[in-house]
Amino acid sequence: MNDNQIVTTRNRIIELLNQLTGGPTLEWYEDTIQQIRSLDQDLTRKILRELLTNSDKKLRMYAGEVLLRIAPALELMSILELLKDLDADIRYNTTRLLANYPDERACEELIRVLLNDPDPDVRSNAVIALRNIGNDKAVKVIEWASANDFGTDFQGETISTVAKRAIVDIKQRRV
């Protein structure tokens, strides 16, 4: 692939990512994702990984979301890097994404987030993502949060309350 094709593909991906912000319907959103999927997948994934470090927060968030949508098994480790982003909105969005795509390989990084992230909204989403993973490591740290994390998320719930519900959910799934 020549440089012109790479630039054209990059510009098209950025155009499509920008369209994701204003989509009127879920069908429209899914169609936009499908358009991205129709591009050369190796190049698309490479460009999306590069966009994970873009100065435009919106592009970083959507690049991560699309990567996880089109290649979750291959791109999880790239997405986990967003949990270290300085911007709490990026970390919040990433934990939300990981809640929708539970993968045990994310467990250690989500545990780090739950134990150390300064933003209670991010920690609350980390609990939900760990709940969806539901392995023994996740349960252990969620139990810790239920007894020790009294930060309050944007809905006014403590992380402890979110964690207690998560424990109940995990136990019900295991029955």
N, C-alpha and C. Protein backbone atom coordinates (compact mmCIF):
# COMPACT_ATOMS: atom_id res chain seq x y z
N MET A 1 0.86 -1.17 0.00
CA MET A 1 0.00 0.00 0.00
C MET A 1 0.90 1.23 0.00
N ASN A 2 0.60 2.18 -0.87
CA ASN A 2 1.43 3.38 -0.95
C ASN A 2 1.00 4.43 0.08
N ASP A 3 1.84 5.45 0.25
CA ASP A 3 1.58 6.49 1.25
C ASP A 3 0.25 7.20 1.02
N ASN A 4 -0.10 7.42 -0.24
CA ASN A 4 -1.36 8.10 -0.55
C ASN A 4 -2.56 7.28 -0.07
N GLN A 5 -2.50 5.96 -0.27
CA GLN A 5 -3.59 5.09 0.18
C GLN A 5 -3.68 5.08 1.71
N ILE A 6 -2.55 5.11 2.37
CA ILE A 6 -2.53 5.13 3.84
C ILE A 6 -3.16 6.42 4.36
N VAL A 7 -2.76 7.54 3.77
CA VAL A 7 -3.32 8.84 4.17
C VAL A 7 -4.82 8.88 3.90
N THR A 8 -5.23 8.38 2.75
CA THR A 8 -6.65 8.36 2.41
C THR A 8 -7.43 7.50 3.40
N THR A 9 -6.91 6.34 3.74
CA THR A 9 -7.58 5.46 4.70
C THR A 9 -7.63 6.12 6.08
N ARG A 10 -6.52 6.73 6.50
CA ARG A 10 -6.49 7.42 7.80
C ARG A 10 -7.54 8.53 7.85
N ASN A 11 -7.61 9.33 6.80
CA ASN A 11 -8.58 10.42 6.76
C ASN A 11 -10.01 9.88 6.78
N ARG A 12 -10.25 8.78 6.10
CA ARG A 12 -11.59 8.17 6.08
C ARG A 12 -11.96 7.66 7.48
N ILE A 13 -11.01 7.03 8.14
CA ILE A 13 -11.27 6.53 9.50
C ILE A 13 -11.58 7.69 10.44
N ILE A 14 -10.81 8.75 10.36
CA ILE A 14 -11.06 9.92 11.21
C ILE A 14 -12.44 10.51 10.91
N GLU A 15 -12.78 10.60 9.65
CA GLU A 15 -14.10 11.10 9.26
C GLU A 15 -15.21 10.23 9.88
N LEU A 16 -15.05 8.91 9.78
CA LEU A 16 -16.06 8.00 10.33
C LEU A 16 -16.11 8.07 11.86
N LEU A 17 -14.95 8.18 12.50
CA LEU A 17 -14.95 8.30 13.96
C LEU A 17 -15.67 9.57 14.39
N ASN A 18 -15.45 10.65 13.67
CA ASN A 18 -16.14 11.90 13.99
C ASN A 18 -17.64 11.79 13.79
N GLN A 19 -18.07 10.95 12.86
CA GLN A 19 -19.50 10.74 12.64
C GLN A 19 -20.14 10.00 13.81
N LEU A 20 -19.36 9.20 14.51
CA LEU A 20 -19.92 8.43 15.62
C LEU A 20 -20.48 9.32 16.73
N THR A 21 -19.98 10.54 16.84
CA THR A 21 -20.41 11.41 17.92
C THR A 21 -21.82 11.94 17.74
N GLY A 22 -22.30 12.00 16.52
CA GLY A 22 -23.59 12.63 16.30
C GLY A 22 -24.64 11.72 15.72
N GLY A 23 -24.42 10.43 15.81
CA GLY A 23 -25.33 9.50 15.18
C GLY A 23 -26.72 9.52 15.80
N PRO A 24 -27.75 9.67 14.97
CA PRO A 24 -29.11 9.78 15.49
C PRO A 24 -29.70 8.46 15.98
N THR A 25 -29.23 7.32 15.44
CA THR A 25 -29.84 6.04 15.82
C THR A 25 -28.76 4.98 15.99
N LEU A 26 -29.11 3.91 16.67
CA LEU A 26 -28.21 2.78 16.83
C LEU A 26 -27.89 2.16 15.47
N GLU A 27 -28.89 2.10 14.60
CA GLU A 27 -28.67 1.54 13.25
C GLU A 27 -27.63 2.36 12.50
N TRP A 28 -27.72 3.67 12.59
CA TRP A 28 -26.76 4.55 11.95
C TRP A 28 -25.37 4.33 12.53
N TYR A 29 -25.28 4.20 13.83
CA TYR A 29 -24.02 3.94 14.52
C TYR A 29 -23.41 2.62 14.03
N GLU A 30 -24.21 1.57 14.00
CA GLU A 30 -23.74 0.25 13.55
C GLU A 30 -23.29 0.30 12.08
N ASP A 31 -23.99 1.06 11.26
CA ASP A 31 -23.61 1.22 9.87
C ASP A 31 -22.23 1.89 9.76
N THR A 32 -21.98 2.87 10.60
CA THR A 32 -20.68 3.55 10.60
C THR A 32 -19.57 2.57 11.00
N ILE A 33 -19.82 1.77 12.03
CA ILE A 33 -18.86 0.75 12.44
C ILE A 33 -18.61 -0.22 11.29
N GLN A 34 -19.67 -0.61 10.60
CA GLN A 34 -19.54 -1.54 9.48
C GLN A 34 -18.70 -0.93 8.36
N GLN A 35 -18.84 0.36 8.14
CA GLN A 35 -18.01 1.02 7.12
C GLN A 35 -16.54 0.95 7.50
N ILE A 36 -16.25 1.11 8.76
CA ILE A 36 -14.86 1.00 9.22
C ILE A 36 -14.36 -0.43 9.06
N ARG A 37 -15.23 -1.39 9.37
CA ARG A 37 -14.87 -2.81 9.21
C ARG A 37 -14.58 -3.16 7.74
N SER A 38 -15.19 -2.45 6.82
CA SER A 38 -15.03 -2.77 5.40
C SER A 38 -13.67 -2.33 4.86
N LEU A 39 -12.95 -1.52 5.61
CA LEU A 39 -11.62 -1.07 5.17
C LEU A 39 -10.60 -2.17 5.44
N ASP A 40 -9.43 -2.04 4.85
CA ASP A 40 -8.34 -2.99 5.09
C ASP A 40 -8.11 -3.12 6.60
N GLN A 41 -8.33 -4.32 7.14
CA GLN A 41 -8.34 -4.49 8.59
C GLN A 41 -6.98 -4.29 9.25
N ASP A 42 -5.92 -4.76 8.65
CA ASP A 42 -4.60 -4.56 9.25
C ASP A 42 -4.25 -3.08 9.32
N LEU A 43 -4.48 -2.38 8.22
CA LEU A 43 -4.19 -0.95 8.20
C LEU A 43 -5.14 -0.20 9.14
N THR A 44 -6.39 -0.58 9.14
CA THR A 44 -7.37 0.08 10.01
C THR A 44 -6.96 -0.07 11.48
N ARG A 45 -6.60 -1.27 11.88
CA ARG A 45 -6.20 -1.48 13.28
C ARG A 45 -4.94 -0.70 13.60
N LYS A 46 -4.00 -0.64 12.66
CA LYS A 46 -2.77 0.13 12.88
C LYS A 46 -3.10 1.61 13.08
N ILE A 47 -3.94 2.15 12.23
CA ILE A 47 -4.32 3.57 12.32
C ILE A 47 -5.08 3.83 13.63
N LEU A 48 -6.00 2.95 13.97
CA LEU A 48 -6.76 3.13 15.21
C LEU A 48 -5.84 3.09 16.42
N ARG A 49 -4.86 2.19 16.42
CA ARG A 49 -3.89 2.14 17.54
C ARG A 49 -3.13 3.45 17.63
N GLU A 50 -2.74 4.01 16.48
CA GLU A 50 -2.04 5.30 16.49
C GLU A 50 -2.94 6.40 17.06
N LEU A 51 -4.23 6.34 16.74
CA LEU A 51 -5.17 7.36 17.21
C LEU A 51 -5.41 7.28 18.72
N LEU A 52 -5.06 6.17 19.33
CA LEU A 52 -5.22 6.05 20.80
C LEU A 52 -4.36 7.05 21.55
N THR A 53 -3.36 7.62 20.88
CA THR A 53 -2.49 8.61 21.51
C THR A 53 -2.71 10.01 20.93
N ASN A 54 -3.75 10.18 20.13
CA ASN A 54 -4.05 11.48 19.52
C ASN A 54 -4.39 12.51 20.59
N SER A 55 -4.07 13.75 20.33
CA SER A 55 -4.39 14.80 21.29
C SER A 55 -5.89 15.06 21.40
N ASP A 56 -6.65 14.68 20.40
CA ASP A 56 -8.10 14.86 20.42
C ASP A 56 -8.74 13.74 21.25
N LYS A 57 -9.27 14.11 22.41
CA LYS A 57 -9.86 13.15 23.34
C LYS A 57 -10.95 12.32 22.68
N LYS A 58 -11.78 12.95 21.90
CA LYS A 58 -12.88 12.26 21.24
C LYS A 58 -12.35 11.17 20.31
N LEU A 59 -11.30 11.49 19.56
CA LEU A 59 -10.72 10.49 18.65
C LEU A 59 -10.13 9.33 19.45
N ARG A 60 -9.47 9.61 20.57
CA ARG A 60 -8.91 8.54 21.41
C ARG A 60 -10.02 7.61 21.89
N MET A 61 -11.11 8.20 22.38
CA MET A 61 -12.20 7.38 22.90
C MET A 61 -12.83 6.51 21.82
N TYR A 62 -13.12 7.12 20.68
CA TYR A 62 -13.77 6.35 19.63
C TYR A 62 -12.82 5.35 18.97
N ALA A 63 -11.56 5.68 18.87
CA ALA A 63 -10.59 4.72 18.33
C ALA A 63 -10.55 3.48 19.23
N GLY A 64 -10.54 3.69 20.53
CA GLY A 64 -10.56 2.56 21.46
C GLY A 64 -11.83 1.74 21.34
N GLU A 65 -12.94 2.42 21.25
CA GLU A 65 -14.21 1.71 21.13
C GLU A 65 -14.28 0.87 19.85
N VAL A 66 -13.86 1.47 18.74
CA VAL A 66 -13.92 0.75 17.47
C VAL A 66 -12.94 -0.42 17.48
N LEU A 67 -11.74 -0.22 18.00
CA LEU A 67 -10.79 -1.33 18.08
C LEU A 67 -11.38 -2.50 18.85
N LEU A 68 -12.01 -2.21 19.95
CA LEU A 68 -12.60 -3.27 20.76
C LEU A 68 -13.78 -3.92 20.04
N ARG A 69 -14.49 -3.15 19.25
CA ARG A 69 -15.62 -3.70 18.49
C ARG A 69 -15.16 -4.59 17.34
N ILE A 70 -14.09 -4.20 16.65
CA ILE A 70 -13.71 -4.94 15.44
C ILE A 70 -12.71 -6.06 15.71
N ALA A 71 -11.95 -5.98 16.79
CA ALA A 71 -10.93 -7.01 17.04
C ALA A 71 -10.65 -7.14 18.54
N PRO A 72 -11.65 -7.53 19.33
CA PRO A 72 -11.46 -7.54 20.79
C PRO A 72 -10.32 -8.45 21.25
N ALA A 73 -10.19 -9.60 20.67
CA ALA A 73 -9.14 -10.52 21.11
C ALA A 73 -7.75 -10.01 20.76
N LEU A 74 -7.64 -9.32 19.63
CA LEU A 74 -6.33 -8.85 19.18
C LEU A 74 -5.93 -7.51 19.80
N GLU A 75 -6.89 -6.68 20.13
CA GLU A 75 -6.58 -5.31 20.50
C GLU A 75 -6.80 -4.98 21.97
N LEU A 76 -7.14 -5.95 22.79
CA LEU A 76 -7.41 -5.67 24.20
C LEU A 76 -6.22 -4.97 24.86
N MET A 77 -5.02 -5.45 24.62
CA MET A 77 -3.86 -4.86 25.28
C MET A 77 -3.67 -3.39 24.88
N SER A 78 -3.97 -3.05 23.65
CA SER A 78 -3.90 -1.64 23.23
C SER A 78 -4.91 -0.81 24.00
N ILE A 79 -6.10 -1.35 24.19
CA ILE A 79 -7.17 -0.64 24.89
C ILE A 79 -6.81 -0.44 26.36
N LEU A 80 -6.18 -1.43 26.97
CA LEU A 80 -5.83 -1.34 28.38
C LEU A 80 -4.92 -0.15 28.67
N GLU A 81 -4.13 0.26 27.68
CA GLU A 81 -3.27 1.42 27.86
C GLU A 81 -4.07 2.69 28.15
N LEU A 82 -5.30 2.74 27.64
CA LEU A 82 -6.14 3.92 27.87
C LEU A 82 -6.52 4.06 29.35
N LEU A 83 -6.43 2.99 30.11
CA LEU A 83 -6.73 3.08 31.55
C LEU A 83 -5.68 3.90 32.30
N LYS A 84 -4.57 4.18 31.63
CA LYS A 84 -3.50 4.99 32.23
C LYS A 84 -3.55 6.44 31.76
N ASP A 85 -4.52 6.76 30.92
CA ASP A 85 -4.64 8.11 30.36
C ASP A 85 -4.82 9.12 31.49
N LEU A 86 -4.26 10.30 31.32
CA LEU A 86 -4.40 11.35 32.33
C LEU A 86 -5.83 11.89 32.42
N ASP A 87 -6.58 11.76 31.35
CA ASP A 87 -7.94 12.28 31.30
C ASP A 87 -8.92 11.27 31.89
N ALA A 88 -9.64 11.68 32.92
CA ALA A 88 -10.60 10.79 33.59
C ALA A 88 -11.71 10.35 32.64
N ASP A 89 -12.10 11.20 31.70
CA ASP A 89 -13.15 10.81 30.75
C ASP A 89 -12.71 9.62 29.90
N ILE A 90 -11.45 9.61 29.52
CA ILE A 90 -10.92 8.49 28.73
C ILE A 90 -10.94 7.22 29.58
N ARG A 91 -10.48 7.32 30.82
CA ARG A 91 -10.46 6.15 31.70
C ARG A 91 -11.88 5.67 31.99
N TYR A 92 -12.81 6.60 32.18
CA TYR A 92 -14.21 6.26 32.41
C TYR A 92 -14.78 5.49 31.22
N ASN A 93 -14.58 6.05 30.03
CA ASN A 93 -15.09 5.41 28.82
C ASN A 93 -14.46 4.03 28.62
N THR A 94 -13.18 3.91 28.92
CA THR A 94 -12.49 2.64 28.73
C THR A 94 -13.03 1.58 29.69
N THR A 95 -13.26 1.95 30.95
CA THR A 95 -13.82 0.97 31.89
C THR A 95 -15.23 0.57 31.46
N ARG A 96 -15.98 1.51 30.92
CA ARG A 96 -17.32 1.21 30.40
C ARG A 96 -17.23 0.21 29.24
N LEU A 97 -16.29 0.45 28.34
CA LEU A 97 -16.09 -0.47 27.22
C LEU A 97 -15.71 -1.86 27.72
N LEU A 98 -14.81 -1.92 28.67
CA LEU A 98 -14.36 -3.21 29.19
C LEU A 98 -15.47 -3.94 29.92
N ALA A 99 -16.42 -3.20 30.47
CA ALA A 99 -17.59 -3.83 31.09
C ALA A 99 -18.44 -4.52 30.02
N ASN A 100 -18.47 -3.94 28.83
CA ASN A 100 -19.25 -4.52 27.74
C ASN A 100 -18.53 -5.64 27.01
N TYR A 101 -17.22 -5.73 27.17
CA TYR A 101 -16.40 -6.76 26.53
C TYR A 101 -15.53 -7.43 27.59
N PRO A 102 -16.16 -8.16 28.51
CA PRO A 102 -15.37 -8.75 29.60
C PRO A 102 -14.34 -9.76 29.09
N ASP A 103 -13.13 -9.62 29.59
CA ASP A 103 -12.03 -10.49 29.19
C ASP A 103 -11.11 -10.61 30.40
N GLU A 104 -10.84 -11.84 30.80
CA GLU A 104 -10.00 -12.06 31.98
C GLU A 104 -8.63 -11.43 31.86
N ARG A 105 -8.14 -11.23 30.65
CA ARG A 105 -6.83 -10.59 30.48
C ARG A 105 -6.83 -9.15 30.97
N ALA A 106 -8.00 -8.54 31.12
CA ALA A 106 -8.11 -7.17 31.60
C ALA A 106 -8.17 -7.09 33.12
N CYS A 107 -8.29 -8.22 33.78
CA CYS A 107 -8.55 -8.24 35.21
C CYS A 107 -7.49 -7.49 36.02
N GLU A 108 -6.23 -7.76 35.81
CA GLU A 108 -5.17 -7.12 36.60
C GLU A 108 -5.19 -5.60 36.46
N GLU A 109 -5.38 -5.13 35.25
CA GLU A 109 -5.38 -3.69 35.02
C GLU A 109 -6.63 -3.05 35.64
N LEU A 110 -7.77 -3.73 35.55
CA LEU A 110 -8.99 -3.21 36.19
C LEU A 110 -8.85 -3.20 37.71
N ILE A 111 -8.18 -4.18 38.26
CA ILE A 111 -7.94 -4.20 39.70
C ILE A 111 -7.08 -2.99 40.08
N ARG A 112 -6.03 -2.73 39.30
CA ARG A 112 -5.19 -1.56 39.57
C ARG A 112 -6.02 -0.29 39.55
N VAL A 113 -6.92 -0.19 38.58
CA VAL A 113 -7.77 1.00 38.48
C VAL A 113 -8.68 1.10 39.70
N LEU A 114 -9.32 0.01 40.07
CA LEU A 114 -10.23 0.05 41.22
C LEU A 114 -9.50 0.44 42.49
N LEU A 115 -8.30 -0.02 42.67
CA LEU A 115 -7.56 0.27 43.90
C LEU A 115 -6.89 1.64 43.91
N ASN A 116 -6.63 2.21 42.72
CA ASN A 116 -5.78 3.40 42.68
C ASN A 116 -6.32 4.61 41.95
N ASP A 117 -7.34 4.46 41.13
CA ASP A 117 -7.79 5.61 40.34
C ASP A 117 -8.41 6.66 41.25
N PRO A 118 -8.06 7.92 41.06
CA PRO A 118 -8.61 8.97 41.92
C PRO A 118 -10.08 9.31 41.63
N ASP A 119 -10.58 8.91 40.47
CA ASP A 119 -11.94 9.28 40.07
C ASP A 119 -12.93 8.18 40.47
N PRO A 120 -13.91 8.50 41.32
CA PRO A 120 -14.87 7.48 41.75
C PRO A 120 -15.75 6.94 40.62
N ASP A 121 -16.01 7.74 39.60
CA ASP A 121 -16.80 7.24 38.46
C ASP A 121 -16.02 6.15 37.71
N VAL A 122 -14.73 6.35 37.58
CA VAL A 122 -13.89 5.35 36.93
C VAL A 122 -13.85 4.08 37.77
N ARG A 123 -13.70 4.24 39.09
CA ARG A 123 -13.67 3.07 39.97
C ARG A 123 -15.00 2.33 39.95
N SER A 124 -16.10 3.06 39.90
CA SER A 124 -17.41 2.43 39.84
C SER A 124 -17.54 1.56 38.58
N ASN A 125 -17.11 2.10 37.44
CA ASN A 125 -17.14 1.31 36.21
C ASN A 125 -16.18 0.14 36.27
N ALA A 126 -15.06 0.31 36.95
CA ALA A 126 -14.11 -0.80 37.11
C ALA A 126 -14.77 -1.95 37.87
N VAL A 127 -15.57 -1.62 38.89
CA VAL A 127 -16.31 -2.65 39.62
C VAL A 127 -17.23 -3.41 38.66
N ILE A 128 -17.94 -2.68 37.82
CA ILE A 128 -18.88 -3.31 36.89
C ILE A 128 -18.12 -4.18 35.89
N ALA A 129 -17.00 -3.70 35.39
CA ALA A 129 -16.20 -4.51 34.46
C ALA A 129 -15.68 -5.77 35.15
N LEU A 130 -15.21 -5.63 36.37
CA LEU A 130 -14.72 -6.80 37.12
C LEU A 130 -15.88 -7.76 37.44
N ARG A 131 -17.04 -7.21 37.74
CA ARG A 131 -18.22 -8.06 37.96
C ARG A 131 -18.49 -8.91 36.73
N ASN A 132 -18.39 -8.32 35.55
CA ASN A 132 -18.68 -9.05 34.32
C ASN A 132 -17.62 -10.10 34.02
N ILE A 133 -16.40 -9.88 34.50
CA ILE A 133 -15.36 -10.92 34.39
C ILE A 133 -15.67 -12.02 35.39
N GLY A 134 -15.90 -11.63 36.63
CA GLY A 134 -16.42 -12.54 37.64
C GLY A 134 -15.50 -13.65 38.12
N ASN A 135 -14.21 -13.57 37.86
CA ASN A 135 -13.32 -14.62 38.35
C ASN A 135 -12.98 -14.38 39.83
N ASP A 136 -12.24 -15.30 40.43
CA ASP A 136 -11.93 -15.21 41.87
C ASP A 136 -11.15 -13.96 42.21
N LYS A 137 -10.20 -13.55 41.37
CA LYS A 137 -9.44 -12.32 41.61
C LYS A 137 -10.37 -11.11 41.63
N ALA A 138 -11.29 -11.08 40.68
CA ALA A 138 -12.23 -9.96 40.60
C ALA A 138 -13.10 -9.92 41.86
N VAL A 139 -13.59 -11.07 42.28
CA VAL A 139 -14.45 -11.13 43.46
C VAL A 139 -13.71 -10.61 44.68
N LYS A 140 -12.47 -11.01 44.83
CA LYS A 140 -11.69 -10.61 46.01
C LYS A 140 -11.55 -9.09 46.11
N VAL A 141 -11.22 -8.44 45.00
CA VAL A 141 -11.04 -6.99 45.04
C VAL A 141 -12.39 -6.26 45.13
N ILE A 142 -13.42 -6.84 44.55
CA ILE A 142 -14.76 -6.24 44.68
C ILE A 142 -15.20 -6.32 46.14
N GLU A 143 -14.92 -7.43 46.79
CA GLU A 143 -15.25 -7.54 48.23
C GLU A 143 -14.49 -6.49 49.03
N TRP A 144 -13.23 -6.26 48.67
CA TRP A 144 -12.46 -5.22 49.36
C TRP A 144 -13.14 -3.87 49.15
N ALA A 145 -13.53 -3.56 47.93
CA ALA A 145 -14.17 -2.27 47.63
C ALA A 145 -15.50 -2.14 48.37
N SER A 146 -16.22 -3.24 48.53
CA SER A 146 -17.52 -3.17 49.24
C SER A 146 -17.34 -2.76 50.69
N ALA A 147 -16.19 -3.08 51.25
CA ALA A 147 -15.93 -2.76 52.66
C ALA A 147 -15.13 -1.47 52.85
N ASN A 148 -14.48 -0.99 51.79
CA ASN A 148 -13.51 0.09 51.99
C ASN A 148 -13.61 1.31 51.09
N ASP A 149 -14.33 1.24 49.99
CA ASP A 149 -14.35 2.38 49.06
C ASP A 149 -15.69 3.10 49.17
N PHE A 150 -15.64 4.26 49.82
CA PHE A 150 -16.86 5.03 50.04
C PHE A 150 -16.92 6.29 49.18
N GLY A 151 -16.09 6.29 48.11
CA GLY A 151 -16.19 7.37 47.13
C GLY A 151 -17.57 7.33 46.49
N THR A 152 -18.01 8.47 45.99
CA THR A 152 -19.36 8.58 45.43
C THR A 152 -19.27 8.86 43.94
N ASP A 153 -20.00 8.07 43.14
CA ASP A 153 -20.00 8.29 41.70
C ASP A 153 -20.98 9.39 41.33
N PHE A 154 -21.08 9.69 40.04
CA PHE A 154 -21.91 10.82 39.59
C PHE A 154 -23.40 10.61 39.85
N GLN A 155 -23.80 9.37 40.11
CA GLN A 155 -25.21 9.09 40.42
C GLN A 155 -25.49 9.17 41.92
N GLY A 156 -24.45 9.47 42.70
CA GLY A 156 -24.61 9.59 44.14
C GLY A 156 -24.47 8.27 44.89
N GLU A 157 -24.06 7.22 44.20
CA GLU A 157 -23.88 5.92 44.85
C GLU A 157 -22.43 5.76 45.28
N THR A 158 -22.24 5.13 46.42
CA THR A 158 -20.87 4.85 46.83
C THR A 158 -20.35 3.66 46.04
N ILE A 159 -19.06 3.60 45.90
CA ILE A 159 -18.43 2.47 45.24
C ILE A 159 -18.74 1.21 46.04
N SER A 160 -18.81 1.35 47.35
CA SER A 160 -19.15 0.23 48.22
C SER A 160 -20.50 -0.38 47.84
N THR A 161 -21.49 0.47 47.60
CA THR A 161 -22.82 0.00 47.22
C THR A 161 -22.79 -0.71 45.86
N VAL A 162 -22.09 -0.12 44.91
CA VAL A 162 -21.97 -0.73 43.58
C VAL A 162 -21.28 -2.10 43.72
N ALA A 163 -20.26 -2.16 44.56
CA ALA A 163 -19.52 -3.41 44.76
C ALA A 163 -20.39 -4.48 45.43
N LYS A 164 -21.19 -4.09 46.40
CA LYS A 164 -22.08 -5.05 47.06
C LYS A 164 -23.07 -5.66 46.06
N ARG A 165 -23.62 -4.83 45.18
CA ARG A 165 -24.52 -5.35 44.15
C ARG A 165 -23.77 -6.28 43.19
N ALA A 166 -22.54 -5.92 42.88
CA ALA A 166 -21.74 -6.75 41.97
C ALA A 166 -21.50 -8.13 42.57
N ILE A 167 -21.23 -8.18 43.86
CA ILE A 167 -21.01 -9.48 44.52
C ILE A 167 -22.26 -10.34 44.44
N VAL A 168 -23.42 -9.72 44.68
CA VAL A 168 -24.68 -10.46 44.58
C VAL A 168 -24.86 -10.98 43.15
N ASP A 169 -24.60 -10.15 42.16
CA ASP A 169 -24.74 -10.56 40.76
C ASP A 169 -23.83 -11.75 40.43
N ILE A 170 -22.58 -11.67 40.87
CA ILE A 170 -21.63 -12.76 40.60
C ILE A 170 -22.11 -14.05 41.26
N LYS A 171 -22.55 -13.95 42.50
CA LYS A 171 -23.02 -15.15 43.21
C LYS A 171 -24.24 -15.75 42.51
N GLN A 172 -25.13 -14.92 42.02
CA GLN A 172 -26.31 -15.43 41.31
C GLN A 172 -25.91 -16.12 40.01
N ARG A 173 -24.92 -15.61 39.32
CA ARG A 173 -24.46 -16.25 38.09
C ARG A 173 -23.78 -17.60 38.35
N ARG A 174 -23.17 -17.71 39.50
CA ARG A 174 -22.43 -18.94 39.82
C ARG A 174 -23.35 -20.06 40.29
N VAL A 175 -24.59 -19.76 40.60
CA VAL A 175 -25.52 -20.79 41.09
C VAL A 175 -26.00 -21.65 39.96
